[in-house]
Amino acid sequence: MIRLETCLVAIGLTASFAIAPAKAQNLAQEPPAAAPQLINTCLITPNVNQLVAFYETVLKLKAERSGEDYAEFHTGSGVLAIFSVAAQERYIPGSAEGAANKSVVLEFRVADVDQEYSRLQSVVKTWVKPPTTQPWGTRSVYFRDPDGNLVDFFAPAAPRTK
C-alpha cells in the first residue's frame, strides 16, 4: 500500500490505495534540489469510468485502478490520474469542481498527428482544431475529453523544404 500521492500530496492529505510497490518507491523518492518536478496530473471527474474508458482508447494504455474512485495512466514521462468528485469532496470539501476545467491543456507527444486524428474519429465527440502545423514548429490536433478538458496530440512538424 502507498499513499495516493498523485492527487493528495499537494494538500498534505493521505489515503491508502493499492498500487504496485515499485511505483511506491518512485513516488517516495526525493525531488531534485534544483526545482520541483511535475510528476502527475489529476483530473477530478463526476464519472471515473467514462473518463477512464475514453483515455484507455485515446492513449492506447490500460488504466491501473485502485477501486472505483481512482485510476492512473503511466505515460512514460508522467502520470495522468483520474479521481472522483465524490472522493475529492470527502478529502477536501469544496476544493475542486469536476468537469469544469477551461484553463489547462493536456499535451501528449505522438508519432503521427494525422494518423491519430483518423484513428480517433469515432471516439472523440468534440474536435477543437483539426491537424495543423503550428508556428512554433509542431503539428497538433486539439480535442476535448468527455469532461471538456482540452487535449493536444502533437508531434514535431516535418522540416519545410525550399
C-alpha atoms as a PDB file:
ATOM      1  CA  MET A   1       0.000   0.000   0.000  1.00  0.00           C
ATOM      2  CA  ILE A   2       1.178   3.524  -0.712  1.00  0.00           C
ATOM      3  CA  ARG A   3      -0.181   6.972  -0.237  1.00  0.00           C
ATOM      4  CA  LEU A   4      -2.271   8.421  -3.028  1.00  0.00           C
ATOM      5  CA  GLU A   5       0.452  10.907  -3.911  1.00  0.00           C
ATOM      6  CA  THR A   6      -0.984  11.829  -7.276  1.00  0.00           C
ATOM      7  CA  CYS A   7      -3.986  13.829  -6.144  1.00  0.00           C
ATOM      8  CA  LEU A   8      -3.452  14.497  -2.470  1.00  0.00           C
ATOM      9  CA  VAL A   9       0.213  15.188  -1.757  1.00  0.00           C
ATOM     10  CA  ALA A  10      -0.001  18.857  -2.664  1.00  0.00           C
ATOM     11  CA  ILE A  11      -2.546  19.433   0.059  1.00  0.00           C
ATOM     12  CA  GLY A  12      -0.974  17.214   2.688  1.00  0.00           C
ATOM     13  CA  LEU A  13      -3.648  14.530   2.849  1.00  0.00           C
ATOM     14  CA  THR A  14      -3.016  10.832   2.652  1.00  0.00           C
ATOM     15  CA  ALA A  15      -5.178   7.901   1.681  1.00  0.00           C
ATOM     16  CA  SER A  16      -4.260   4.277   1.209  1.00  0.00           C
ATOM     17  CA  PHE A  17      -4.748   2.647  -2.165  1.00  0.00           C
ATOM     18  CA  ALA A  18      -3.183  -0.492  -3.568  1.00  0.00           C
ATOM     19  CA  ILE A  19      -0.575   0.395  -6.194  1.00  0.00           C
ATOM     20  CA  ALA A  20       2.432  -1.632  -7.276  1.00  0.00           C
ATOM     21  CA  PRO A  21       5.356  -1.426  -4.772  1.00  0.00           C
ATOM     22  CA  ALA A  22       7.834  -0.378  -7.483  1.00  0.00           C
ATOM     23  CA  LYS A  23       5.741   2.699  -8.161  1.00  0.00           C
ATOM     24  CA  ALA A  24       5.611   3.434  -4.440  1.00  0.00           C
ATOM     25  CA  GLN A  25       9.410   3.647  -4.432  1.00  0.00           C
ATOM     26  CA  ASN A  26       9.390   6.089  -7.356  1.00  0.00           C
ATOM     27  CA  LEU A  27       6.796   8.325  -5.702  1.00  0.00           C
ATOM     28  CA  ALA A  28       8.677   8.312  -2.407  1.00  0.00           C
ATOM     29  CA  GLN A  29      11.976   9.482  -3.932  1.00  0.00           C
ATOM     30  CA  GLU A  30      13.066  12.981  -3.062  1.00  0.00           C
ATOM     31  CA  PRO A  31      12.793  15.539  -5.876  1.00  0.00           C
ATOM     32  CA  PRO A  32      15.999  17.136  -7.105  1.00  0.00           C
ATOM     33  CA  ALA A  33      17.127  20.142  -5.085  1.00  0.00           C
ATOM     34  CA  ALA A  34      17.171  22.438  -8.130  1.00  0.00           C
ATOM     35  CA  ALA A  35      13.433  22.645  -8.835  1.00  0.00           C
ATOM     36  CA  PRO A  36      10.137  20.863  -8.201  1.00  0.00           C
ATOM     37  CA  GLN A  37       9.238  18.180 -10.744  1.00  0.00           C
ATOM     38  CA  LEU A  38       5.751  17.843 -12.189  1.00  0.00           C
ATOM     39  CA  ILE A  39       5.154  14.103 -11.966  1.00  0.00           C
ATOM     40  CA  ASN A  40       1.372  13.726 -12.038  1.00  0.00           C
ATOM     41  CA  THR A  41      -1.695  15.487 -13.352  1.00  0.00           C
ATOM     42  CA  CYS A  42      -5.008  14.597 -11.752  1.00  0.00           C
ATOM     43  CA  LEU A  43      -8.403  15.132 -13.369  1.00  0.00           C
ATOM     44  CA  ILE A  44     -11.359  15.353 -10.981  1.00  0.00           C
ATOM     45  CA  THR A  45     -14.473  13.898 -12.583  1.00  0.00           C
ATOM     46  CA  PRO A  46     -18.065  13.007 -11.759  1.00  0.00           C
ATOM     47  CA  ASN A  47     -17.723   9.870 -13.923  1.00  0.00           C
ATOM     48  CA  VAL A  48     -14.448   7.987 -13.393  1.00  0.00           C
ATOM     49  CA  ASN A  49     -15.475   5.010 -15.526  1.00  0.00           C
ATOM     50  CA  GLN A  50     -16.403   7.169 -18.545  1.00  0.00           C
ATOM     51  CA  LEU A  51     -13.153   9.158 -18.416  1.00  0.00           C
ATOM     52  CA  VAL A  52     -11.046   6.026 -17.876  1.00  0.00           C
ATOM     53  CA  ALA A  53     -12.669   4.290 -20.858  1.00  0.00           C
ATOM     54  CA  PHE A  54     -12.041   7.370 -23.018  1.00  0.00           C
ATOM     55  CA  TYR A  55      -8.360   7.672 -22.068  1.00  0.00           C
ATOM     56  CA  GLU A  56      -7.759   3.915 -22.387  1.00  0.00           C
ATOM     57  CA  THR A  57      -8.794   4.228 -26.032  1.00  0.00           C
ATOM     58  CA  VAL A  58      -7.106   7.566 -26.716  1.00  0.00           C
ATOM     59  CA  LEU A  59      -3.804   6.717 -25.013  1.00  0.00           C
ATOM     60  CA  LYS A  60      -3.791   3.035 -26.008  1.00  0.00           C
ATOM     61  CA  LEU A  61      -2.993   2.212 -22.360  1.00  0.00           C
ATOM     62  CA  LYS A  62      -4.795   0.187 -19.707  1.00  0.00           C
ATOM     63  CA  ALA A  63      -5.553   2.199 -16.573  1.00  0.00           C
ATOM     64  CA  GLU A  64      -4.294   0.965 -13.235  1.00  0.00           C
ATOM     65  CA  ARG A  65      -7.311   1.083 -10.928  1.00  0.00           C
ATOM     66  CA  SER A  66      -7.458   1.440  -7.170  1.00  0.00           C
ATOM     67  CA  GLY A  67     -11.149   0.995  -6.527  1.00  0.00           C
ATOM     68  CA  GLU A  68     -13.978   2.923  -8.130  1.00  0.00           C
ATOM     69  CA  ASP A  69     -12.659   6.390  -7.222  1.00  0.00           C
ATOM     70  CA  TYR A  70      -9.150   6.343  -8.695  1.00  0.00           C
ATOM     71  CA  ALA A  71      -7.224   5.287 -11.800  1.00  0.00           C
ATOM     72  CA  GLU A  72      -3.937   6.258 -13.361  1.00  0.00           C
ATOM     73  CA  PHE A  73      -2.165   6.066 -16.713  1.00  0.00           C
ATOM     74  CA  HIS A  74       1.628   5.816 -16.772  1.00  0.00           C
ATOM     75  CA  THR A  75       2.643   7.589 -19.971  1.00  0.00           C
ATOM     76  CA  GLY A  76       6.403   7.225 -19.668  1.00  0.00           C
ATOM     77  CA  SER A  77       7.076  10.843 -18.723  1.00  0.00           C
ATOM     78  CA  GLY A  78       4.350  11.343 -16.146  1.00  0.00           C
ATOM     79  CA  VAL A  79       1.101  10.022 -14.787  1.00  0.00           C
ATOM     80  CA  LEU A  80      -2.403  11.078 -15.771  1.00  0.00           C
ATOM     81  CA  ALA A  81      -4.656  10.323 -12.815  1.00  0.00           C
ATOM     82  CA  ILE A  82      -8.447  10.236 -12.704  1.00  0.00           C
ATOM     83  CA  PHE A  83     -10.127  10.852  -9.320  1.00  0.00           C
ATOM     84  CA  SER A  84     -13.818  11.032  -8.450  1.00  0.00           C
ATOM     85  CA  VAL A  85     -15.540  14.255  -7.418  1.00  0.00           C
ATOM     86  CA  ALA A  86     -17.151  12.376  -4.520  1.00  0.00           C
ATOM     87  CA  ALA A  87     -13.807  11.191  -3.133  1.00  0.00           C
ATOM     88  CA  GLN A  88     -12.239  14.630  -3.610  1.00  0.00           C
ATOM     89  CA  GLU A  89     -15.150  16.149  -1.709  1.00  0.00           C
ATOM     90  CA  ARG A  90     -14.665  13.659   1.152  1.00  0.00           C
ATOM     91  CA  TYR A  91     -10.967  14.519   1.463  1.00  0.00           C
ATOM     92  CA  ILE A  92     -11.016  18.254   0.733  1.00  0.00           C
ATOM     93  CA  PRO A  93     -14.553  19.641   0.747  1.00  0.00           C
ATOM     94  CA  GLY A  94     -15.147  22.457  -1.732  1.00  0.00           C
ATOM     95  CA  SER A  95     -11.650  22.257  -3.243  1.00  0.00           C
ATOM     96  CA  ALA A  96     -12.418  21.132  -6.795  1.00  0.00           C
ATOM     97  CA  GLU A  97     -15.219  21.106  -9.327  1.00  0.00           C
ATOM     98  CA  GLY A  98     -15.242  18.149 -11.678  1.00  0.00           C
ATOM     99  CA  ALA A  99     -15.625  18.564 -15.430  1.00  0.00           C
ATOM    100  CA  ALA A 100     -15.229  22.351 -15.215  1.00  0.00           C
ATOM    101  CA  ASN A 101     -11.666  22.911 -16.458  1.00  0.00           C
ATOM    102  CA  LYS A 102     -11.164  25.548 -19.149  1.00  0.00           C
ATOM    103  CA  SER A 103      -7.598  26.634 -18.344  1.00  0.00           C
ATOM    104  CA  VAL A 104      -5.296  23.633 -18.812  1.00  0.00           C
ATOM    105  CA  VAL A 105      -4.239  21.742 -21.937  1.00  0.00           C
ATOM    106  CA  LEU A 106      -3.162  18.102 -21.595  1.00  0.00           C
ATOM    107  CA  GLU A 107      -0.427  17.671 -24.190  1.00  0.00           C
ATOM    108  CA  PHE A 108       0.709  14.274 -25.452  1.00  0.00           C
ATOM    109  CA  ARG A 109       3.501  13.756 -27.958  1.00  0.00           C
ATOM    110  CA  VAL A 110       2.512  11.221 -30.612  1.00  0.00           C
ATOM    111  CA  ALA A 111       4.288   9.712 -33.602  1.00  0.00           C
ATOM    112  CA  ASP A 112       1.818  10.867 -36.268  1.00  0.00           C
ATOM    113  CA  VAL A 113      -0.843  13.518 -35.591  1.00  0.00           C
ATOM    114  CA  ASP A 114      -2.797  12.865 -38.781  1.00  0.00           C
ATOM    115  CA  GLN A 115      -2.908   9.132 -38.142  1.00  0.00           C
ATOM    116  CA  GLU A 116      -4.165   9.731 -34.577  1.00  0.00           C
ATOM    117  CA  TYR A 117      -6.797  12.134 -35.901  1.00  0.00           C
ATOM    118  CA  SER A 118      -8.080   9.407 -38.221  1.00  0.00           C
ATOM    119  CA  ARG A 119      -7.931   6.732 -35.514  1.00  0.00           C
ATOM    120  CA  LEU A 120      -9.937   8.806 -33.022  1.00  0.00           C
ATOM    121  CA  GLN A 121     -12.781   9.894 -35.320  1.00  0.00           C
ATOM    122  CA  SER A 122     -15.258   7.501 -33.711  1.00  0.00           C
ATOM    123  CA  VAL A 123     -14.001   8.162 -30.158  1.00  0.00           C
ATOM    124  CA  VAL A 124     -13.707  11.941 -29.875  1.00  0.00           C
ATOM    125  CA  LYS A 125     -17.019  13.805 -29.885  1.00  0.00           C
ATOM    126  CA  THR A 126     -15.641  17.372 -29.796  1.00  0.00           C
ATOM    127  CA  TRP A 127     -12.825  18.409 -32.104  1.00  0.00           C
ATOM    128  CA  VAL A 128     -11.435  21.874 -31.344  1.00  0.00           C
ATOM    129  CA  LYS A 129      -8.845  22.221 -34.119  1.00  0.00           C
ATOM    130  CA  PRO A 130      -8.015  19.761 -36.914  1.00  0.00           C
ATOM    131  CA  PRO A 131      -4.415  18.736 -37.591  1.00  0.00           C
ATOM    132  CA  THR A 132      -2.494  21.953 -38.148  1.00  0.00           C
ATOM    133  CA  THR A 133       1.171  22.854 -38.333  1.00  0.00           C
ATOM    134  CA  GLN A 134       1.751  25.461 -35.635  1.00  0.00           C
ATOM    135  CA  PRO A 135       4.070  28.483 -35.993  1.00  0.00           C
ATOM    136  CA  TRP A 136       6.254  27.112 -33.163  1.00  0.00           C
ATOM    137  CA  GLY A 137       7.148  24.006 -35.144  1.00  0.00           C
ATOM    138  CA  THR A 138       4.734  21.290 -34.088  1.00  0.00           C
ATOM    139  CA  ARG A 139       1.815  19.626 -35.805  1.00  0.00           C
ATOM    140  CA  SER A 140      -1.159  19.447 -33.429  1.00  0.00           C
ATOM    141  CA  VAL A 141      -4.736  18.311 -33.215  1.00  0.00           C
ATOM    142  CA  TYR A 142      -6.896  19.624 -30.361  1.00  0.00           C
ATOM    143  CA  PHE A 143      -9.968  17.903 -28.928  1.00  0.00           C
ATOM    144  CA  ARG A 144     -11.982  17.660 -25.720  1.00  0.00           C
ATOM    145  CA  ASP A 145     -12.388  14.641 -23.467  1.00  0.00           C
ATOM    146  CA  PRO A 146     -15.887  13.734 -22.162  1.00  0.00           C
ATOM    147  CA  ASP A 147     -15.473  16.202 -19.243  1.00  0.00           C
ATOM    148  CA  GLY A 148     -14.498  19.060 -21.558  1.00  0.00           C
ATOM    149  CA  ASN A 149     -10.760  19.031 -20.784  1.00  0.00           C
ATOM    150  CA  LEU A 150      -8.688  20.244 -23.730  1.00  0.00           C
ATOM    151  CA  VAL A 151      -6.246  17.675 -25.149  1.00  0.00           C
ATOM    152  CA  ASP A 152      -3.453  18.320 -27.660  1.00  0.00           C
ATOM    153  CA  PHE A 153      -1.836  15.482 -29.571  1.00  0.00           C
ATOM    154  CA  PHE A 154       1.325  16.904 -31.143  1.00  0.00           C
ATOM    155  CA  ALA A 155       4.470  15.911 -32.987  1.00  0.00           C
ATOM    156  CA  PRO A 156       7.431  17.877 -34.317  1.00  0.00           C
ATOM    157  CA  ALA A 157       6.499  19.216 -37.736  1.00  0.00           C
ATOM    158  CA  ALA A 158       8.391  17.925 -40.742  1.00  0.00           C
ATOM    159  CA  PRO A 159      11.048  20.411 -41.802  1.00  0.00           C
ATOM    160  CA  ARG A 160       9.992  22.651 -44.659  1.00  0.00           C
ATOM    161  CA  THR A 161      11.795  22.200 -47.928  1.00  0.00           C
ATOM    162  CA  LYS A 162      12.612  25.260 -50.038  1.00  0.00           C
END
